[in-house]
């Protein structure tokens, strides 16, 4: 059985979708699973042990020069690659117009099906027009965790039940990098897309001091100039802290997979840490926690929520609880 997964972005959404691969292989061990994803996330998906081929989709890059000859050539090559295989099942787990169009370009064997979401769930960016590209639209309960939504949609289509915790199937790269220290380290995912999702600078300093006392170096990643300034400010005020170079998602996956401890606000990177089952404290500031919190592992503690910024004391207590995994 050959299957195509269409889930192109964003980082957190891609991470949350990874368990469907292990689910499928648990019930159909011989299934061949390909995945269409934004090119920036392709390296991450390739680190999943259950995926066969990753097909990069470059809409973010194509939008910058939509009518250039290189964009037209790249898009033509992408369509040709999609049509090179005929699939028994094509699953759009994102439910957007763009993912529906990708599904439309894909090929199925006689009797094959294209399956997608049949309705919007709480917090999703679902676009009903995506159903135009489905052979089957599966309705989900409105109040559902994002990881469970994708798992259940595909389970309903393929005829099995979800009876295990999510398995993200991520492998840790052993490649050497000069910017990954030899000593154990903690990652601080302090940067995020919205100001309301950030946690106060003095709080990070206190948590950094706690982890330094346990012998951990603090690594500070960043994704844009403003986050780099924040990382440099934190590094200046912390002992044994270093600002990382700007990294690709693939390299961030590697450094996350080797971390000893992670503290992060609600961002795709903190969800990536939870997917690697790292001791992780997730800090939700004024946004609903139930939709994305990583409650399947004893190594992950999620705090805060809608209209609720977690206190320093609560995060300190969570860090202490998870330090048992360092011993």
C-alpha atoms as a PDB file:
ATOM      1  CA  UNK A   1       0.000   0.000   0.000  1.00  0.00           C
ATOM      2  CA  UNK A   2       1.387   3.387  -1.004  1.00  0.00           C
ATOM      3  CA  UNK A   3       0.288   6.452   0.980  1.00  0.00           C
ATOM      4  CA  UNK A   4       0.885  10.195   0.549  1.00  0.00           C
ATOM      5  CA  UNK A   5       0.634  12.596   3.489  1.00  0.00           C
ATOM      6  CA  UNK A   6       0.066  16.289   2.722  1.00  0.00           C
ATOM      7  CA  UNK A   7       1.016  18.487   5.670  1.00  0.00           C
ATOM      8  CA  UNK A   8       3.158  21.393   4.551  1.00  0.00           C
ATOM      9  CA  UNK A   9       3.523  23.730   7.560  1.00  0.00           C
ATOM     10  CA  UNK A  10       4.047  25.148  10.160  1.00  0.00           C
ATOM     11  CA  UNK A  11       6.782  23.630  12.332  1.00  0.00           C
ATOM     12  CA  UNK A  12       4.490  22.797  15.235  1.00  0.00           C
ATOM     13  CA  UNK A  13       1.835  21.382  12.902  1.00  0.00           C
ATOM     14  CA  UNK A  14       4.391  19.212  11.119  1.00  0.00           C
ATOM     15  CA  UNK A  15       5.718  17.899  14.448  1.00  0.00           C
ATOM     16  CA  UNK A  16       2.189  17.163  15.678  1.00  0.00           C
ATOM     17  CA  UNK A  17       1.494  15.169  12.511  1.00  0.00           C
ATOM     18  CA  UNK A  18       4.536  12.862  12.803  1.00  0.00           C
ATOM     19  CA  UNK A  19       2.822  10.138  14.894  1.00  0.00           C
ATOM     20  CA  UNK A  20       0.499   9.178  12.026  1.00  0.00           C
ATOM     21  CA  UNK A  21       3.450   7.466  10.334  1.00  0.00           C
ATOM     22  CA  UNK A  22       4.111   5.086  13.231  1.00  0.00           C
ATOM     23  CA  UNK A  23       0.354   4.482  13.562  1.00  0.00           C
ATOM     24  CA  UNK A  24       0.097   3.416   9.921  1.00  0.00           C
ATOM     25  CA  UNK A  25       3.129   1.137  10.124  1.00  0.00           C
ATOM     26  CA  UNK A  26       1.857  -0.440  13.330  1.00  0.00           C
ATOM     27  CA  UNK A  27      -1.234  -1.642  11.455  1.00  0.00           C
ATOM     28  CA  UNK A  28       0.185  -1.849   7.907  1.00  0.00           C
ATOM     29  CA  UNK A  29       3.890  -2.728   8.293  1.00  0.00           C
ATOM     30  CA  UNK A  30       4.529  -2.880   4.541  1.00  0.00           C
ATOM     31  CA  UNK A  31       2.978   0.510   3.732  1.00  0.00           C
ATOM     32  CA  UNK A  32       5.172   2.929   1.781  1.00  0.00           C
ATOM     33  CA  UNK A  33       4.585   6.473   3.049  1.00  0.00           C
ATOM     34  CA  UNK A  34       5.627   9.669   1.257  1.00  0.00           C
ATOM     35  CA  UNK A  35       5.075  13.190   2.608  1.00  0.00           C
ATOM     36  CA  UNK A  36       4.689  16.620   0.964  1.00  0.00           C
ATOM     37  CA  UNK A  37       6.059  19.384   3.208  1.00  0.00           C
ATOM     38  CA  UNK A  38       7.468  22.904   2.929  1.00  0.00           C
ATOM     39  CA  UNK A  39      11.103  22.611   1.888  1.00  0.00           C
ATOM     40  CA  UNK A  40      12.355  24.201   5.126  1.00  0.00           C
ATOM     41  CA  UNK A  41      10.871  21.332   7.131  1.00  0.00           C
ATOM     42  CA  UNK A  42      11.924  18.534   4.780  1.00  0.00           C
ATOM     43  CA  UNK A  43      15.065  17.714   6.780  1.00  0.00           C
ATOM     44  CA  UNK A  44      13.012  17.292   9.938  1.00  0.00           C
ATOM     45  CA  UNK A  45      10.533  14.900   8.332  1.00  0.00           C
ATOM     46  CA  UNK A  46      13.415  12.870   6.889  1.00  0.00           C
ATOM     47  CA  UNK A  47      14.529  12.178  10.465  1.00  0.00           C
ATOM     48  CA  UNK A  48      11.365  10.127  10.981  1.00  0.00           C
ATOM     49  CA  UNK A  49      12.188   6.429  10.660  1.00  0.00           C
ATOM     50  CA  UNK A  50       8.844   5.610   9.041  1.00  0.00           C
ATOM     51  CA  UNK A  51       8.922   7.929   6.040  1.00  0.00           C
ATOM     52  CA  UNK A  52       9.919   6.737   2.582  1.00  0.00           C
ATOM     53  CA  UNK A  53      10.320   9.883   0.499  1.00  0.00           C
ATOM     54  CA  UNK A  54       9.903  13.530   1.431  1.00  0.00           C
ATOM     55  CA  UNK A  55       8.631  15.753  -1.397  1.00  0.00           C
ATOM     56  CA  UNK A  56       9.594  19.409  -0.819  1.00  0.00           C
ATOM     57  CA  UNK A  57       7.016  22.111  -1.535  1.00  0.00           C
ATOM     58  CA  UNK A  58       8.423  25.625  -1.857  1.00  0.00           C
ATOM     59  CA  UNK A  59       5.428  27.965  -1.762  1.00  0.00           C
ATOM     60  CA  UNK A  60       7.130  30.382   0.651  1.00  0.00           C
ATOM     61  CA  UNK A  61      10.011  30.795  -1.777  1.00  0.00           C
ATOM     62  CA  UNK A  62       7.850  30.786  -4.915  1.00  0.00           C
ATOM     63  CA  UNK A  63       5.680  33.616  -3.551  1.00  0.00           C
ATOM     64  CA  UNK A  64       8.667  35.955  -3.570  1.00  0.00           C
ATOM     65  CA  UNK A  65       9.091  35.655  -7.355  1.00  0.00           C
ATOM     66  CA  UNK A  66       5.890  34.027  -8.613  1.00  0.00           C
ATOM     67  CA  UNK A  67       6.419  34.703 -12.314  1.00  0.00           C
ATOM     68  CA  UNK A  68      10.155  34.047 -12.608  1.00  0.00           C
ATOM     69  CA  UNK A  69      11.426  31.302 -14.888  1.00  0.00           C
ATOM     70  CA  UNK A  70      13.026  29.496 -11.947  1.00  0.00           C
ATOM     71  CA  UNK A  71       9.734  29.460 -10.013  1.00  0.00           C
ATOM     72  CA  UNK A  72       7.848  28.128 -13.032  1.00  0.00           C
ATOM     73  CA  UNK A  73      10.473  25.439 -13.541  1.00  0.00           C
ATOM     74  CA  UNK A  74      10.455  24.447  -9.861  1.00  0.00           C
ATOM     75  CA  UNK A  75       6.669  24.267  -9.765  1.00  0.00           C
ATOM     76  CA  UNK A  76       6.564  22.182 -12.933  1.00  0.00           C
ATOM     77  CA  UNK A  77       9.115  19.786 -11.422  1.00  0.00           C
ATOM     78  CA  UNK A  78       7.047  19.566  -8.243  1.00  0.00           C
ATOM     79  CA  UNK A  79       3.887  18.667 -10.184  1.00  0.00           C
ATOM     80  CA  UNK A  80       5.807  16.109 -12.239  1.00  0.00           C
ATOM     81  CA  UNK A  81       7.104  14.473  -9.066  1.00  0.00           C
ATOM     82  CA  UNK A  82       3.603  14.291  -7.589  1.00  0.00           C
ATOM     83  CA  UNK A  83       2.306  12.607 -10.723  1.00  0.00           C
ATOM     84  CA  UNK A  84       5.217  10.142 -10.839  1.00  0.00           C
ATOM     85  CA  UNK A  85       3.540   7.857  -8.288  1.00  0.00           C
ATOM     86  CA  UNK A  86      -0.028   6.615  -7.993  1.00  0.00           C
ATOM     87  CA  UNK A  87      -1.166   6.284  -4.395  1.00  0.00           C
ATOM     88  CA  UNK A  88      -3.737   4.065  -2.730  1.00  0.00           C
ATOM     89  CA  UNK A  89      -4.439   6.810  -0.209  1.00  0.00           C
ATOM     90  CA  UNK A  90      -3.735  10.550  -0.162  1.00  0.00           C
ATOM     91  CA  UNK A  91      -4.342  12.279   3.167  1.00  0.00           C
ATOM     92  CA  UNK A  92      -4.620  16.046   3.633  1.00  0.00           C
ATOM     93  CA  UNK A  93      -4.429  16.515   7.405  1.00  0.00           C
ATOM     94  CA  UNK A  94      -4.177  20.318   7.233  1.00  0.00           C
ATOM     95  CA  UNK A  95      -7.415  21.262   5.487  1.00  0.00           C
ATOM     96  CA  UNK A  96      -6.318  24.383   3.604  1.00  0.00           C
ATOM     97  CA  UNK A  97      -6.891  25.478   0.020  1.00  0.00           C
ATOM     98  CA  UNK A  98      -3.187  25.071  -0.769  1.00  0.00           C
ATOM     99  CA  UNK A  99      -3.054  21.544   0.653  1.00  0.00           C
ATOM    100  CA  UNK A 100      -6.245  20.690  -1.204  1.00  0.00           C
ATOM    101  CA  UNK A 101      -4.663  21.865  -4.454  1.00  0.00           C
ATOM    102  CA  UNK A 102      -1.610  19.705  -3.764  1.00  0.00           C
ATOM    103  CA  UNK A 103      -3.966  16.778  -3.195  1.00  0.00           C
ATOM    104  CA  UNK A 104      -5.611  17.631  -6.521  1.00  0.00           C
ATOM    105  CA  UNK A 105      -2.273  17.368  -8.315  1.00  0.00           C
ATOM    106  CA  UNK A 106      -1.553  13.932  -6.819  1.00  0.00           C
ATOM    107  CA  UNK A 107      -2.437  10.662  -8.560  1.00  0.00           C
ATOM    108  CA  UNK A 108      -4.302   7.659  -7.170  1.00  0.00           C
ATOM    109  CA  UNK A 109      -4.557   4.082  -8.360  1.00  0.00           C
ATOM    110  CA  UNK A 110      -7.960   2.868  -9.593  1.00  0.00           C
ATOM    111  CA  UNK A 111     -10.112   2.737  -6.485  1.00  0.00           C
ATOM    112  CA  UNK A 112      -7.683   4.909  -4.529  1.00  0.00           C
ATOM    113  CA  UNK A 113      -8.999   7.669  -2.285  1.00  0.00           C
ATOM    114  CA  UNK A 114      -8.159  11.243  -1.411  1.00  0.00           C
ATOM    115  CA  UNK A 115      -9.204  11.919   2.167  1.00  0.00           C
ATOM    116  CA  UNK A 116      -9.282  15.118   4.205  1.00  0.00           C
ATOM    117  CA  UNK A 117     -10.871  16.869   7.156  1.00  0.00           C
ATOM    118  CA  UNK A 118     -14.600  17.442   6.956  1.00  0.00           C
ATOM    119  CA  UNK A 119     -14.943  20.314   9.408  1.00  0.00           C
ATOM    120  CA  UNK A 120     -13.181  22.992  11.427  1.00  0.00           C
ATOM    121  CA  UNK A 121     -12.033  22.143  14.953  1.00  0.00           C
ATOM    122  CA  UNK A 122     -11.264  24.558  17.801  1.00  0.00           C
ATOM    123  CA  UNK A 123      -8.219  26.674  17.001  1.00  0.00           C
ATOM    124  CA  UNK A 124      -7.628  25.284  13.515  1.00  0.00           C
ATOM    125  CA  UNK A 125      -7.182  27.382  10.382  1.00  0.00           C
ATOM    126  CA  UNK A 126      -9.413  25.038   8.380  1.00  0.00           C
ATOM    127  CA  UNK A 127     -10.709  26.237   4.995  1.00  0.00           C
ATOM    128  CA  UNK A 128     -13.939  24.505   3.859  1.00  0.00           C
ATOM    129  CA  UNK A 129     -13.027  24.906   0.180  1.00  0.00           C
ATOM    130  CA  UNK A 130     -10.405  22.174   0.703  1.00  0.00           C
ATOM    131  CA  UNK A 131     -13.227  19.607   0.618  1.00  0.00           C
ATOM    132  CA  UNK A 132     -13.567  20.152  -3.131  1.00  0.00           C
ATOM    133  CA  UNK A 133     -10.454  18.021  -3.584  1.00  0.00           C
ATOM    134  CA  UNK A 134     -11.586  15.102  -1.375  1.00  0.00           C
ATOM    135  CA  UNK A 135     -13.138  11.789  -2.291  1.00  0.00           C
ATOM    136  CA  UNK A 136     -13.946  11.415   1.402  1.00  0.00           C
ATOM    137  CA  UNK A 137     -14.237  14.124   4.079  1.00  0.00           C
ATOM    138  CA  UNK A 138     -14.005  12.896   7.669  1.00  0.00           C
ATOM    139  CA  UNK A 139     -15.687  14.919  10.384  1.00  0.00           C
ATOM    140  CA  UNK A 140     -13.859  15.257  13.684  1.00  0.00           C
ATOM    141  CA  UNK A 141     -15.128  16.296  17.095  1.00  0.00           C
ATOM    142  CA  UNK A 142     -14.799  20.044  17.505  1.00  0.00           C
ATOM    143  CA  UNK A 143     -12.853  19.970  20.787  1.00  0.00           C
ATOM    144  CA  UNK A 144      -9.843  17.769  19.998  1.00  0.00           C
ATOM    145  CA  UNK A 145      -6.096  17.894  20.573  1.00  0.00           C
ATOM    146  CA  UNK A 146      -4.108  18.606  17.401  1.00  0.00           C
ATOM    147  CA  UNK A 147      -2.072  15.392  17.632  1.00  0.00           C
ATOM    148  CA  UNK A 148      -5.159  13.276  18.151  1.00  0.00           C
ATOM    149  CA  UNK A 149      -7.018  14.951  15.271  1.00  0.00           C
ATOM    150  CA  UNK A 150      -4.595  13.770  12.576  1.00  0.00           C
ATOM    151  CA  UNK A 151      -4.196  10.341  14.156  1.00  0.00           C
ATOM    152  CA  UNK A 152      -7.937   9.760  14.379  1.00  0.00           C
ATOM    153  CA  UNK A 153      -8.681  11.064  10.881  1.00  0.00           C
ATOM    154  CA  UNK A 154      -6.325   8.566   9.264  1.00  0.00           C
ATOM    155  CA  UNK A 155      -7.344   5.770  11.635  1.00  0.00           C
ATOM    156  CA  UNK A 156     -10.986   6.212  10.637  1.00  0.00           C
ATOM    157  CA  UNK A 157     -10.085   6.056   6.953  1.00  0.00           C
ATOM    158  CA  UNK A 158      -7.837   2.986   7.248  1.00  0.00           C
ATOM    159  CA  UNK A 159     -10.027   1.152   9.716  1.00  0.00           C
ATOM    160  CA  UNK A 160      -7.989   0.897  12.898  1.00  0.00           C
ATOM    161  CA  UNK A 161      -8.286   2.405  16.386  1.00  0.00           C
ATOM    162  CA  UNK A 162      -5.814   4.562  18.289  1.00  0.00           C
ATOM    163  CA  UNK A 163      -4.730   2.613  21.361  1.00  0.00           C
ATOM    164  CA  UNK A 164      -1.147   3.767  22.035  1.00  0.00           C
ATOM    165  CA  UNK A 165       0.573   7.023  23.029  1.00  0.00           C
ATOM    166  CA  UNK A 166       1.928   9.014  20.068  1.00  0.00           C
ATOM    167  CA  UNK A 167       5.217   7.757  18.617  1.00  0.00           C
ATOM    168  CA  UNK A 168       6.986  10.580  16.771  1.00  0.00           C
ATOM    169  CA  UNK A 169       9.601   8.238  15.290  1.00  0.00           C
ATOM    170  CA  UNK A 170      12.408  10.801  15.325  1.00  0.00           C
ATOM    171  CA  UNK A 171      16.018   9.683  15.015  1.00  0.00           C
ATOM    172  CA  UNK A 172      18.864  11.720  16.535  1.00  0.00           C
ATOM    173  CA  UNK A 173      21.687  12.654  14.176  1.00  0.00           C
ATOM    174  CA  UNK A 174      25.193  11.739  15.318  1.00  0.00           C
ATOM    175  CA  UNK A 175      26.930  14.148  12.940  1.00  0.00           C
ATOM    176  CA  UNK A 176      29.574  16.376  14.536  1.00  0.00           C
ATOM    177  CA  UNK A 177      28.978  20.124  14.800  1.00  0.00           C
ATOM    178  CA  UNK A 178      31.365  22.614  16.376  1.00  0.00           C
ATOM    179  CA  UNK A 179      28.473  24.574  17.874  1.00  0.00           C
ATOM    180  CA  UNK A 180      27.120  21.603  19.835  1.00  0.00           C
ATOM    181  CA  UNK A 181      29.077  21.396  23.118  1.00  0.00           C
ATOM    182  CA  UNK A 182      30.482  18.169  24.499  1.00  0.00           C
ATOM    183  CA  UNK A 183      29.080  18.854  27.974  1.00  0.00           C
ATOM    184  CA  UNK A 184      25.374  18.374  28.790  1.00  0.00           C
ATOM    185  CA  UNK A 185      23.268  21.387  27.900  1.00  0.00           C
ATOM    186  CA  UNK A 186      19.823  22.898  28.206  1.00  0.00           C
ATOM    187  CA  UNK A 187      17.999  24.748  25.449  1.00  0.00           C
ATOM    188  CA  UNK A 188      15.981  27.889  26.122  1.00  0.00           C
ATOM    189  CA  UNK A 189      13.333  28.421  23.441  1.00  0.00           C
ATOM    190  CA  UNK A 190      12.601  31.998  24.442  1.00  0.00           C
ATOM    191  CA  UNK A 191      11.628  33.394  21.036  1.00  0.00           C
ATOM    192  CA  UNK A 192       8.131  33.325  19.634  1.00  0.00           C
ATOM    193  CA  UNK A 193       6.012  35.002  16.992  1.00  0.00           C
ATOM    194  CA  UNK A 194       3.806  37.032  19.349  1.00  0.00           C
ATOM    195  CA  UNK A 195       4.736  39.348  22.191  1.00  0.00           C
ATOM    196  CA  UNK A 196       1.905  37.943  24.310  1.00  0.00           C
ATOM    197  CA  UNK A 197       3.487  34.464  24.191  1.00  0.00           C
ATOM    198  CA  UNK A 198       6.808  35.592  25.724  1.00  0.00           C
ATOM    199  CA  UNK A 199       7.999  35.032  29.296  1.00  0.00           C
ATOM    200  CA  UNK A 200       9.744  37.712  31.373  1.00  0.00           C
ATOM    201  CA  UNK A 201      13.544  38.126  31.091  1.00  0.00           C
ATOM    202  CA  UNK A 202      14.246  37.892  34.884  1.00  0.00           C
ATOM    203  CA  UNK A 203      12.393  34.581  35.026  1.00  0.00           C
ATOM    204  CA  UNK A 204      14.668  33.040  32.404  1.00  0.00           C
ATOM    205  CA  UNK A 205      17.676  34.131  34.470  1.00  0.00           C
ATOM    206  CA  UNK A 206      16.405  32.328  37.561  1.00  0.00           C
ATOM    207  CA  UNK A 207      15.701  29.109  35.646  1.00  0.00           C
ATOM    208  CA  UNK A 208      19.090  29.382  33.973  1.00  0.00           C
ATOM    209  CA  UNK A 209      20.776  29.616  37.374  1.00  0.00           C
ATOM    210  CA  UNK A 210      18.965  26.476  38.534  1.00  0.00           C
ATOM    211  CA  UNK A 211      20.124  24.495  35.519  1.00  0.00           C
ATOM    212  CA  UNK A 212      23.655  25.886  35.763  1.00  0.00           C
ATOM    213  CA  UNK A 213      23.799  24.521  39.310  1.00  0.00           C
ATOM    214  CA  UNK A 214      23.088  21.090  37.813  1.00  0.00           C
ATOM    215  CA  UNK A 215      26.083  21.466  35.491  1.00  0.00           C
ATOM    216  CA  UNK A 216      24.192  22.333  32.318  1.00  0.00           C
ATOM    217  CA  UNK A 217      25.383  24.844  29.762  1.00  0.00           C
ATOM    218  CA  UNK A 218      22.577  27.059  28.389  1.00  0.00           C
ATOM    219  CA  UNK A 219      22.173  27.257  24.601  1.00  0.00           C
ATOM    220  CA  UNK A 220      20.137  30.135  23.177  1.00  0.00           C
ATOM    221  CA  UNK A 221      18.776  29.759  19.626  1.00  0.00           C
ATOM    222  CA  UNK A 222      17.147  32.522  17.609  1.00  0.00           C
ATOM    223  CA  UNK A 223      15.256  32.851  14.341  1.00  0.00           C
ATOM    224  CA  UNK A 224      15.261  36.582  13.515  1.00  0.00           C
ATOM    225  CA  UNK A 225      17.246  39.725  14.459  1.00  0.00           C
ATOM    226  CA  UNK A 226      14.923  40.633  17.354  1.00  0.00           C
ATOM    227  CA  UNK A 227      15.264  37.156  18.859  1.00  0.00           C
ATOM    228  CA  UNK A 228      19.031  37.337  18.437  1.00  0.00           C
ATOM    229  CA  UNK A 229      19.095  40.559  20.477  1.00  0.00           C
ATOM    230  CA  UNK A 230      17.054  38.843  23.202  1.00  0.00           C
ATOM    231  CA  UNK A 231      19.366  35.811  23.129  1.00  0.00           C
ATOM    232  CA  UNK A 232      22.457  38.028  23.454  1.00  0.00           C
ATOM    233  CA  UNK A 233      20.867  39.871  26.372  1.00  0.00           C
ATOM    234  CA  UNK A 234      20.114  36.586  28.129  1.00  0.00           C
ATOM    235  CA  UNK A 235      23.629  35.271  27.473  1.00  0.00           C
ATOM    236  CA  UNK A 236      25.136  38.417  28.968  1.00  0.00           C
ATOM    237  CA  UNK A 237      23.159  37.904  32.190  1.00  0.00           C
ATOM    238  CA  UNK A 238      23.572  34.115  32.527  1.00  0.00           C
ATOM    239  CA  UNK A 239      26.550  32.020  33.561  1.00  0.00           C
ATOM    240  CA  UNK A 240      27.905  29.576  30.976  1.00  0.00           C
ATOM    241  CA  UNK A 241      25.416  30.514  28.271  1.00  0.00           C
ATOM    242  CA  UNK A 242      26.056  30.799  24.550  1.00  0.00           C
ATOM    243  CA  UNK A 243      24.090  32.215  21.634  1.00  0.00           C
ATOM    244  CA  UNK A 244      23.848  29.672  18.821  1.00  0.00           C
ATOM    245  CA  UNK A 245      24.398  30.609  15.181  1.00  0.00           C
ATOM    246  CA  UNK A 246      21.270  30.881  13.080  1.00  0.00           C
ATOM    247  CA  UNK A 247      20.274  27.294  12.347  1.00  0.00           C
ATOM    248  CA  UNK A 248      18.095  25.524   9.834  1.00  0.00           C
ATOM    249  CA  UNK A 249      15.174  23.469  11.121  1.00  0.00           C
ATOM    250  CA  UNK A 250      17.205  20.346  10.377  1.00  0.00           C
ATOM    251  CA  UNK A 251      20.091  21.567  12.554  1.00  0.00           C
ATOM    252  CA  UNK A 252      17.663  22.712  15.257  1.00  0.00           C
ATOM    253  CA  UNK A 253      16.240  19.203  15.252  1.00  0.00           C
ATOM    254  CA  UNK A 254      19.736  17.794  15.788  1.00  0.00           C
ATOM    255  CA  UNK A 255      20.625  20.118  18.658  1.00  0.00           C
ATOM    256  CA  UNK A 256      17.223  19.480  20.249  1.00  0.00           C
ATOM    257  CA  UNK A 257      17.561  15.724  19.945  1.00  0.00           C
ATOM    258  CA  UNK A 258      20.855  15.844  21.894  1.00  0.00           C
ATOM    259  CA  UNK A 259      19.721  18.246  24.631  1.00  0.00           C
ATOM    260  CA  UNK A 260      19.546  17.176  28.259  1.00  0.00           C
ATOM    261  CA  UNK A 261      16.822  19.654  29.231  1.00  0.00           C
ATOM    262  CA  UNK A 262      14.525  22.136  27.486  1.00  0.00           C
ATOM    263  CA  UNK A 263      12.513  25.127  28.668  1.00  0.00           C
ATOM    264  CA  UNK A 264      10.407  26.913  26.089  1.00  0.00           C
ATOM    265  CA  UNK A 265       7.396  29.059  25.428  1.00  0.00           C
ATOM    266  CA  UNK A 266       4.640  27.787  23.141  1.00  0.00           C
ATOM    267  CA  UNK A 267       6.579  27.423  19.903  1.00  0.00           C
ATOM    268  CA  UNK A 268       7.147  24.689  17.378  1.00  0.00           C
ATOM    269  CA  UNK A 269      10.607  24.115  18.814  1.00  0.00           C
ATOM    270  CA  UNK A 270       9.333  23.299  22.310  1.00  0.00           C
ATOM    271  CA  UNK A 271       6.911  20.835  20.719  1.00  0.00           C
ATOM    272  CA  UNK A 272       9.859  19.352  18.837  1.00  0.00           C
ATOM    273  CA  UNK A 273      11.653  18.838  22.165  1.00  0.00           C
ATOM    274  CA  UNK A 274       8.604  17.033  23.527  1.00  0.00           C
ATOM    275  CA  UNK A 275       8.518  14.892  20.385  1.00  0.00           C
ATOM    276  CA  UNK A 276      12.076  13.799  21.204  1.00  0.00           C
ATOM    277  CA  UNK A 277      10.789  13.041  24.740  1.00  0.00           C
ATOM    278  CA  UNK A 278      13.276  15.411  26.333  1.00  0.00           C
ATOM    279  CA  UNK A 279      12.679  16.714  29.876  1.00  0.00           C
ATOM    280  CA  UNK A 280      10.737  19.786  28.798  1.00  0.00           C
ATOM    281  CA  UNK A 281       8.874  22.587  30.548  1.00  0.00           C
ATOM    282  CA  UNK A 282       6.417  24.278  28.190  1.00  0.00           C
ATOM    283  CA  UNK A 283       5.301  27.784  29.147  1.00  0.00           C
ATOM    284  CA  UNK A 284       1.950  28.905  27.735  1.00  0.00           C
ATOM    285  CA  UNK A 285       1.302  32.619  28.144  1.00  0.00           C
ATOM    286  CA  UNK A 286      -2.288  33.732  27.551  1.00  0.00           C
ATOM    287  CA  UNK A 287      -3.185  31.070  24.961  1.00  0.00           C
ATOM    288  CA  UNK A 288      -5.171  27.816  25.311  1.00  0.00           C
ATOM    289  CA  UNK A 289      -2.966  24.978  26.487  1.00  0.00           C
ATOM    290  CA  UNK A 290      -5.243  21.994  25.941  1.00  0.00           C
ATOM    291  CA  UNK A 291      -5.034  22.086  22.121  1.00  0.00           C
ATOM    292  CA  UNK A 292      -1.293  21.486  21.824  1.00  0.00           C
ATOM    293  CA  UNK A 293       0.147  20.568  25.235  1.00  0.00           C
ATOM    294  CA  UNK A 294       2.367  17.492  25.298  1.00  0.00           C
ATOM    295  CA  UNK A 295       0.585  15.512  27.997  1.00  0.00           C
ATOM    296  CA  UNK A 296       1.538  12.036  26.774  1.00  0.00           C
ATOM    297  CA  UNK A 297       4.933  11.901  28.493  1.00  0.00           C
ATOM    298  CA  UNK A 298       5.997  12.127  32.162  1.00  0.00           C
ATOM    299  CA  UNK A 299       9.054  14.035  30.930  1.00  0.00           C
ATOM    300  CA  UNK A 300       6.970  17.026  29.780  1.00  0.00           C
ATOM    301  CA  UNK A 301       5.198  19.529  32.017  1.00  0.00           C
ATOM    302  CA  UNK A 302       3.003  22.199  30.406  1.00  0.00           C
ATOM    303  CA  UNK A 303       2.021  25.285  32.410  1.00  0.00           C
ATOM    304  CA  UNK A 304      -0.173  28.318  31.872  1.00  0.00           C
ATOM    305  CA  UNK A 305      -2.993  28.793  29.419  1.00  0.00           C
ATOM    306  CA  UNK A 306      -5.614  31.231  28.249  1.00  0.00           C
ATOM    307  CA  UNK A 307      -5.518  34.331  30.482  1.00  0.00           C
ATOM    308  CA  UNK A 308      -2.937  32.572  32.633  1.00  0.00           C
ATOM    309  CA  UNK A 309       0.790  33.344  32.588  1.00  0.00           C
ATOM    310  CA  UNK A 310       2.655  30.768  34.699  1.00  0.00           C
ATOM    311  CA  UNK A 311       4.486  32.166  37.688  1.00  0.00           C
ATOM    312  CA  UNK A 312       8.209  31.820  38.217  1.00  0.00           C
ATOM    313  CA  UNK A 313       7.493  29.625  41.230  1.00  0.00           C
ATOM    314  CA  UNK A 314       5.386  27.221  39.153  1.00  0.00           C
ATOM    315  CA  UNK A 315       8.094  26.876  36.511  1.00  0.00           C
ATOM    316  CA  UNK A 316      10.771  26.431  39.176  1.00  0.00           C
ATOM    317  CA  UNK A 317       8.744  23.600  40.678  1.00  0.00           C
ATOM    318  CA  UNK A 318       8.313  21.967  37.265  1.00  0.00           C
ATOM    319  CA  UNK A 319      12.055  22.185  36.595  1.00  0.00           C
ATOM    320  CA  UNK A 320      12.778  20.531  39.954  1.00  0.00           C
ATOM    321  CA  UNK A 321      10.341  17.724  39.168  1.00  0.00           C
ATOM    322  CA  UNK A 322      11.967  17.024  35.799  1.00  0.00           C
ATOM    323  CA  UNK A 323      15.525  17.178  37.126  1.00  0.00           C
ATOM    324  CA  UNK A 324      15.124  13.538  38.190  1.00  0.00           C
ATOM    325  CA  UNK A 325      15.697  12.676  34.517  1.00  0.00           C
ATOM    326  CA  UNK A 326      19.164  14.240  34.724  1.00  0.00           C
ATOM    327  CA  UNK A 327      20.413  11.852  37.415  1.00  0.00           C
END
